[in-house]
Amino acid sequence: MKNKLKVYRAMRDYTQEALAQQLGVTRQTIVSIENGKYDPSIRLAFKIAALFQVKIEDVFTPEK
């Protein structure tokens, strides 16, 4: 799954560590999501979208 997490994180000036703390996950989880090595659970995807006040589809898009 493709994602724009790094873009949204940069728009808020969050470090990976700060975002991880806000979401209750590790920094490594954020790194893995940003690098496309890990797809978040639906619960985590909702938390991310809510934090940035956008739809899940704005952050995550399925690969074709």
PDB file of N, CA and C in Angstrom:
ATOM      1  N   MET A   1       0.843  -1.163   0.000  1.00  0.00           N
ATOM      2  CA  MET A   1       0.000   0.000   0.000  1.00  0.00           C
ATOM      3  C   MET A   1       0.896   1.237   0.000  1.00  0.00           C
ATOM      4  N   LYS A   2       0.557   2.184  -0.842  1.00  0.00           N
ATOM      5  CA  LYS A   2       1.303   3.436  -0.874  1.00  0.00           C
ATOM      6  C   LYS A   2       0.753   4.356   0.217  1.00  0.00           C
ATOM      7  N   ASN A   3       1.604   5.254   0.692  1.00  0.00           N
ATOM      8  CA  ASN A   3       1.127   6.183   1.704  1.00  0.00           C
ATOM      9  C   ASN A   3       1.841   7.524   1.600  1.00  0.00           C
ATOM     10  N   LYS A   4       1.209   8.514   2.180  1.00  0.00           N
ATOM     11  CA  LYS A   4       1.748   9.877   2.220  1.00  0.00           C
ATOM     12  C   LYS A   4       2.030  10.286   3.660  1.00  0.00           C
ATOM     13  N   LEU A   5       2.327   9.319   4.491  1.00  0.00           N
ATOM     14  CA  LEU A   5       2.535   9.606   5.898  1.00  0.00           C
ATOM     15  C   LEU A   5       3.680  10.587   6.110  1.00  0.00           C
ATOM     16  N   LYS A   6       4.753  10.412   5.383  1.00  0.00           N
ATOM     17  CA  LYS A   6       5.908  11.306   5.524  1.00  0.00           C
ATOM     18  C   LYS A   6       5.533  12.737   5.162  1.00  0.00           C
ATOM     19  N   VAL A   7       4.710  12.894   4.142  1.00  0.00           N
ATOM     20  CA  VAL A   7       4.263  14.228   3.714  1.00  0.00           C
ATOM     21  C   VAL A   7       3.429  14.882   4.806  1.00  0.00           C
ATOM     22  N   TYR A   8       2.455  14.146   5.325  1.00  0.00           N
ATOM     23  CA  TYR A   8       1.602  14.697   6.382  1.00  0.00           C
ATOM     24  C   TYR A   8       2.403  14.973   7.648  1.00  0.00           C
ATOM     25  N   ARG A   9       3.347  14.113   7.946  1.00  0.00           N
ATOM     26  CA  ARG A   9       4.200  14.322   9.122  1.00  0.00           C
ATOM     27  C   ARG A   9       5.023  15.595   8.965  1.00  0.00           C
ATOM     28  N   ALA A  10       5.568  15.812   7.775  1.00  0.00           N
ATOM     29  CA  ALA A  10       6.371  17.008   7.515  1.00  0.00           C
ATOM     30  C   ALA A  10       5.516  18.277   7.579  1.00  0.00           C
ATOM     31  N   MET A  11       4.273  18.182   7.115  1.00  0.00           N
ATOM     32  CA  MET A  11       3.386  19.352   7.150  1.00  0.00           C
ATOM     33  C   MET A  11       3.132  19.811   8.590  1.00  0.00           C
ATOM     34  N   ARG A  12       3.142  18.882   9.519  1.00  0.00           N
ATOM     35  CA  ARG A  12       2.918  19.211  10.936  1.00  0.00           C
ATOM     36  C   ARG A  12       4.230  19.394  11.695  1.00  0.00           C
ATOM     37  N   ASP A  13       5.347  19.227  10.995  1.00  0.00           N
ATOM     38  CA  ASP A  13       6.662  19.361  11.615  1.00  0.00           C
ATOM     39  C   ASP A  13       6.880  18.347  12.736  1.00  0.00           C
ATOM     40  N   TYR A  14       6.328  17.145  12.577  1.00  0.00           N
ATOM     41  CA  TYR A  14       6.513  16.078  13.546  1.00  0.00           C
ATOM     42  C   TYR A  14       7.754  15.278  13.192  1.00  0.00           C
ATOM     43  N   THR A  15       8.517  14.907  14.186  1.00  0.00           N
ATOM     44  CA  THR A  15       9.570  13.915  13.967  1.00  0.00           C
ATOM     45  C   THR A  15       8.892  12.547  13.960  1.00  0.00           C
ATOM     46  N   GLN A  16       9.615  11.545  13.514  1.00  0.00           N
ATOM     47  CA  GLN A  16       9.059  10.192  13.557  1.00  0.00           C
ATOM     48  C   GLN A  16       8.770   9.798  15.001  1.00  0.00           C
ATOM     49  N   GLU A  17       9.646  10.175  15.899  1.00  0.00           N
ATOM     50  CA  GLU A  17       9.463   9.848  17.320  1.00  0.00           C
ATOM     51  C   GLU A  17       8.230  10.540  17.894  1.00  0.00           C
ATOM     52  N   ALA A  18       8.039  11.814  17.565  1.00  0.00           N
ATOM     53  CA  ALA A  18       6.883  12.557  18.080  1.00  0.00           C
ATOM     54  C   ALA A  18       5.579  11.961  17.561  1.00  0.00           C
ATOM     55  N   LEU A  19       5.556  11.608  16.282  1.00  0.00           N
ATOM     56  CA  LEU A  19       4.356  10.996  15.710  1.00  0.00           C
ATOM     57  C   LEU A  19       4.086   9.648  16.365  1.00  0.00           C
ATOM     58  N   ALA A  20       5.130   8.870  16.557  1.00  0.00           N
ATOM     59  CA  ALA A  20       4.983   7.558  17.192  1.00  0.00           C
ATOM     60  C   ALA A  20       4.379   7.706  18.589  1.00  0.00           C
ATOM     61  N   GLN A  21       4.859   8.669  19.350  1.00  0.00           N
ATOM     62  CA  GLN A  21       4.334   8.896  20.695  1.00  0.00           C
ATOM     63  C   GLN A  21       2.862   9.293  20.652  1.00  0.00           C
ATOM     64  N   GLN A  22       2.495  10.145  19.709  1.00  0.00           N
ATOM     65  CA  GLN A  22       1.101  10.575  19.573  1.00  0.00           C
ATOM     66  C   GLN A  22       0.185   9.390  19.266  1.00  0.00           C
ATOM     67  N   LEU A  23       0.699   8.435  18.501  1.00  0.00           N
ATOM     68  CA  LEU A  23      -0.108   7.294  18.059  1.00  0.00           C
ATOM     69  C   LEU A  23       0.018   6.080  18.979  1.00  0.00           C
ATOM     70  N   GLY A  24       0.963   6.125  19.907  1.00  0.00           N
ATOM     71  CA  GLY A  24       1.143   5.004  20.814  1.00  0.00           C
ATOM     72  C   GLY A  24       1.833   3.812  20.175  1.00  0.00           C
ATOM     73  N   VAL A  25       2.745   4.096  19.247  1.00  0.00           N
ATOM     74  CA  VAL A  25       3.522   3.038  18.586  1.00  0.00           C
ATOM     75  C   VAL A  25       5.005   3.388  18.687  1.00  0.00           C
ATOM     76  N   THR A  26       5.860   2.523  18.174  1.00  0.00           N
ATOM     77  CA  THR A  26       7.295   2.802  18.194  1.00  0.00           C
ATOM     78  C   THR A  26       7.691   3.618  16.965  1.00  0.00           C
ATOM     79  N   ARG A  27       8.856   4.263  17.080  1.00  0.00           N
ATOM     80  CA  ARG A  27       9.383   5.007  15.936  1.00  0.00           C
ATOM     81  C   ARG A  27       9.630   4.059  14.770  1.00  0.00           C
ATOM     82  N   GLN A  28      10.056   2.830  15.071  1.00  0.00           N
ATOM     83  CA  GLN A  28      10.324   1.847  14.020  1.00  0.00           C
ATOM     84  C   GLN A  28       9.055   1.529  13.233  1.00  0.00           C
ATOM     85  N   THR A  29       7.911   1.543  13.893  1.00  0.00           N
ATOM     86  CA  THR A  29       6.644   1.319  13.194  1.00  0.00           C
ATOM     87  C   THR A  29       6.410   2.432  12.175  1.00  0.00           C
ATOM     88  N   ILE A  30       6.666   3.668  12.572  1.00  0.00           N
ATOM     89  CA  ILE A  30       6.494   4.808  11.659  1.00  0.00           C
ATOM     90  C   ILE A  30       7.460   4.687  10.483  1.00  0.00           C
ATOM     91  N   VAL A  31       8.711   4.341  10.764  1.00  0.00           N
ATOM     92  CA  VAL A  31       9.710   4.156   9.702  1.00  0.00           C
ATOM     93  C   VAL A  31       9.242   3.088   8.720  1.00  0.00           C
ATOM     94  N   SER A  32       8.767   1.971   9.244  1.00  0.00           N
ATOM     95  CA  SER A  32       8.329   0.861   8.387  1.00  0.00           C
ATOM     96  C   SER A  32       7.117   1.235   7.542  1.00  0.00           C
ATOM     97  N   ILE A  33       6.182   1.973   8.118  1.00  0.00           N
ATOM     98  CA  ILE A  33       5.010   2.412   7.340  1.00  0.00           C
ATOM     99  C   ILE A  33       5.452   3.357   6.235  1.00  0.00           C
ATOM    100  N   GLU A  34       6.278   4.349   6.589  1.00  0.00           N
ATOM    101  CA  GLU A  34       6.732   5.325   5.591  1.00  0.00           C
ATOM    102  C   GLU A  34       7.498   4.668   4.450  1.00  0.00           C
ATOM    103  N   ASN A  35       8.251   3.621   4.760  1.00  0.00           N
ATOM    104  CA  ASN A  35       9.038   2.933   3.732  1.00  0.00           C
ATOM    105  C   ASN A  35       8.263   1.861   2.987  1.00  0.00           C
ATOM    106  N   GLY A  36       6.987   1.702   3.326  1.00  0.00           N
ATOM    107  CA  GLY A  36       6.158   0.728   2.635  1.00  0.00           C
ATOM    108  C   GLY A  36       6.438  -0.716   3.024  1.00  0.00           C
ATOM    109  N   LYS A  37       7.126  -0.923   4.139  1.00  0.00           N
ATOM    110  CA  LYS A  37       7.449  -2.280   4.580  1.00  0.00           C
ATOM    111  C   LYS A  37       6.389  -2.845   5.513  1.00  0.00           C
ATOM    112  N   TYR A  38       5.487  -1.986   5.980  1.00  0.00           N
ATOM    113  CA  TYR A  38       4.470  -2.414   6.934  1.00  0.00           C
ATOM    114  C   TYR A  38       3.183  -1.659   6.640  1.00  0.00           C
ATOM    115  N   ASP A  39       2.094  -2.389   6.507  1.00  0.00           N
ATOM    116  CA  ASP A  39       0.779  -1.773   6.356  1.00  0.00           C
ATOM    117  C   ASP A  39       0.138  -1.720   7.740  1.00  0.00           C
ATOM    118  N   PRO A  40      -0.314  -0.544   8.157  1.00  0.00           N
ATOM    119  CA  PRO A  40      -0.888  -0.433   9.495  1.00  0.00           C
ATOM    120  C   PRO A  40      -2.217  -1.173   9.611  1.00  0.00           C
ATOM    121  N   SER A  41      -2.564  -1.521  10.830  1.00  0.00           N
ATOM    122  CA  SER A  41      -3.883  -2.095  11.070  1.00  0.00           C
ATOM    123  C   SER A  41      -4.924  -1.033  10.745  1.00  0.00           C
ATOM    124  N   ILE A  42      -6.150  -1.451  10.548  1.00  0.00           N
ATOM    125  CA  ILE A  42      -7.209  -0.496  10.244  1.00  0.00           C
ATOM    126  C   ILE A  42      -7.379   0.481  11.400  1.00  0.00           C
ATOM    127  N   ARG A  43      -7.222  -0.007  12.610  1.00  0.00           N
ATOM    128  CA  ARG A  43      -7.327   0.858  13.797  1.00  0.00           C
ATOM    129  C   ARG A  43      -6.250   1.942  13.789  1.00  0.00           C
ATOM    130  N   LEU A  44      -5.018   1.551  13.482  1.00  0.00           N
ATOM    131  CA  LEU A  44      -3.925   2.520  13.424  1.00  0.00           C
ATOM    132  C   LEU A  44      -4.127   3.483  12.261  1.00  0.00           C
ATOM    133  N   ALA A  45      -4.596   2.995  11.131  1.00  0.00           N
ATOM    134  CA  ALA A  45      -4.857   3.861   9.978  1.00  0.00           C
ATOM    135  C   ALA A  45      -5.907   4.919  10.328  1.00  0.00           C
ATOM    136  N   PHE A  46      -6.947   4.522  11.066  1.00  0.00           N
ATOM    137  CA  PHE A  46      -7.959   5.485  11.509  1.00  0.00           C
ATOM    138  C   PHE A  46      -7.355   6.513  12.460  1.00  0.00           C
ATOM    139  N   LYS A  47      -6.479   6.070  13.369  1.00  0.00           N
ATOM    140  CA  LYS A  47      -5.839   6.992  14.306  1.00  0.00           C
ATOM    141  C   LYS A  47      -4.980   8.013  13.563  1.00  0.00           C
ATOM    142  N   ILE A  48      -4.255   7.538  12.551  1.00  0.00           N
ATOM    143  CA  ILE A  48      -3.402   8.431  11.760  1.00  0.00           C
ATOM    144  C   ILE A  48      -4.258   9.458  11.032  1.00  0.00           C
ATOM    145  N   ALA A  49      -5.306   8.997  10.374  1.00  0.00           N
ATOM    146  CA  ALA A  49      -6.192   9.904   9.637  1.00  0.00           C
ATOM    147  C   ALA A  49      -6.837  10.919  10.579  1.00  0.00           C
ATOM    148  N   ALA A  50      -7.276  10.469  11.742  1.00  0.00           N
ATOM    149  CA  ALA A  50      -7.906  11.374  12.708  1.00  0.00           C
ATOM    150  C   ALA A  50      -6.913  12.413  13.212  1.00  0.00           C
ATOM    151  N   LEU A  51      -5.688  11.993  13.467  1.00  0.00           N
ATOM    152  CA  LEU A  51      -4.662  12.920  13.949  1.00  0.00           C
ATOM    153  C   LEU A  51      -4.428  14.052  12.947  1.00  0.00           C
ATOM    154  N   PHE A  52      -4.391  13.704  11.657  1.00  0.00           N
ATOM    155  CA  PHE A  52      -4.143  14.705  10.620  1.00  0.00           C
ATOM    156  C   PHE A  52      -5.434  15.332  10.089  1.00  0.00           C
ATOM    157  N   GLN A  53      -6.573  14.891  10.614  1.00  0.00           N
ATOM    158  CA  GLN A  53      -7.890  15.406  10.242  1.00  0.00           C
ATOM    159  C   GLN A  53      -8.154  15.275   8.734  1.00  0.00           C
ATOM    160  N   VAL A  54      -7.859  14.081   8.229  1.00  0.00           N
ATOM    161  CA  VAL A  54      -8.103  13.762   6.821  1.00  0.00           C
ATOM    162  C   VAL A  54      -8.754  12.387   6.738  1.00  0.00           C
ATOM    163  N   LYS A  55      -9.175  12.000   5.548  1.00  0.00           N
ATOM    164  CA  LYS A  55      -9.717  10.658   5.327  1.00  0.00           C
ATOM    165  C   LYS A  55      -8.562   9.667   5.201  1.00  0.00           C
ATOM    166  N   ILE A  56      -8.835   8.428   5.546  1.00  0.00           N
ATOM    167  CA  ILE A  56      -7.810   7.389   5.410  1.00  0.00           C
ATOM    168  C   ILE A  56      -7.287   7.355   3.973  1.00  0.00           C
ATOM    169  N   GLU A  57      -8.193   7.526   3.013  1.00  0.00           N
ATOM    170  CA  GLU A  57      -7.803   7.460   1.596  1.00  0.00           C
ATOM    171  C   GLU A  57      -6.849   8.574   1.211  1.00  0.00           C
ATOM    172  N   ASP A  58      -6.823   9.667   1.982  1.00  0.00           N
ATOM    173  CA  ASP A  58      -5.880  10.749   1.707  1.00  0.00           C
ATOM    174  C   ASP A  58      -4.450  10.364   2.086  1.00  0.00           C
ATOM    175  N   VAL A  59      -4.326   9.473   3.066  1.00  0.00           N
ATOM    176  CA  VAL A  59      -3.005   9.053   3.533  1.00  0.00           C
ATOM    177  C   VAL A  59      -2.567   7.752   2.876  1.00  0.00           C
ATOM    178  N   PHE A  60      -3.502   6.804   2.759  1.00  0.00           N
ATOM    179  CA  PHE A  60      -3.171   5.468   2.249  1.00  0.00           C
ATOM    180  C   PHE A  60      -3.938   5.165   0.973  1.00  0.00           C
ATOM    181  N   THR A  61      -3.227   4.661  -0.030  1.00  0.00           N
ATOM    182  CA  THR A  61      -3.878   4.241  -1.268  1.00  0.00           C
ATOM    183  C   THR A  61      -3.358   2.861  -1.664  1.00  0.00           C
ATOM    184  N   PRO A  62      -4.262   1.984  -2.099  1.00  0.00           N
ATOM    185  CA  PRO A  62      -3.800   0.652  -2.510  1.00  0.00           C
ATOM    186  C   PRO A  62      -2.951   0.730  -3.781  1.00  0.00           C
ATOM    187  N   GLU A  63      -1.967  -0.144  -3.869  1.00  0.00           N
ATOM    188  CA  GLU A  63      -1.153  -0.205  -5.084  1.00  0.00           C
ATOM    189  C   GLU A  63      -1.929  -0.936  -6.155  1.00  0.00           C
ATOM    190  N   LYS A  64      -1.743  -0.523  -7.387  1.00  0.00           N
ATOM    191  CA  LYS A  64      -2.491  -1.119  -8.494  1.00  0.00           C
ATOM    192  C   LYS A  64      -1.835  -2.374  -8.975  1.00  0.00           C
TER     193      LYS A  64
END
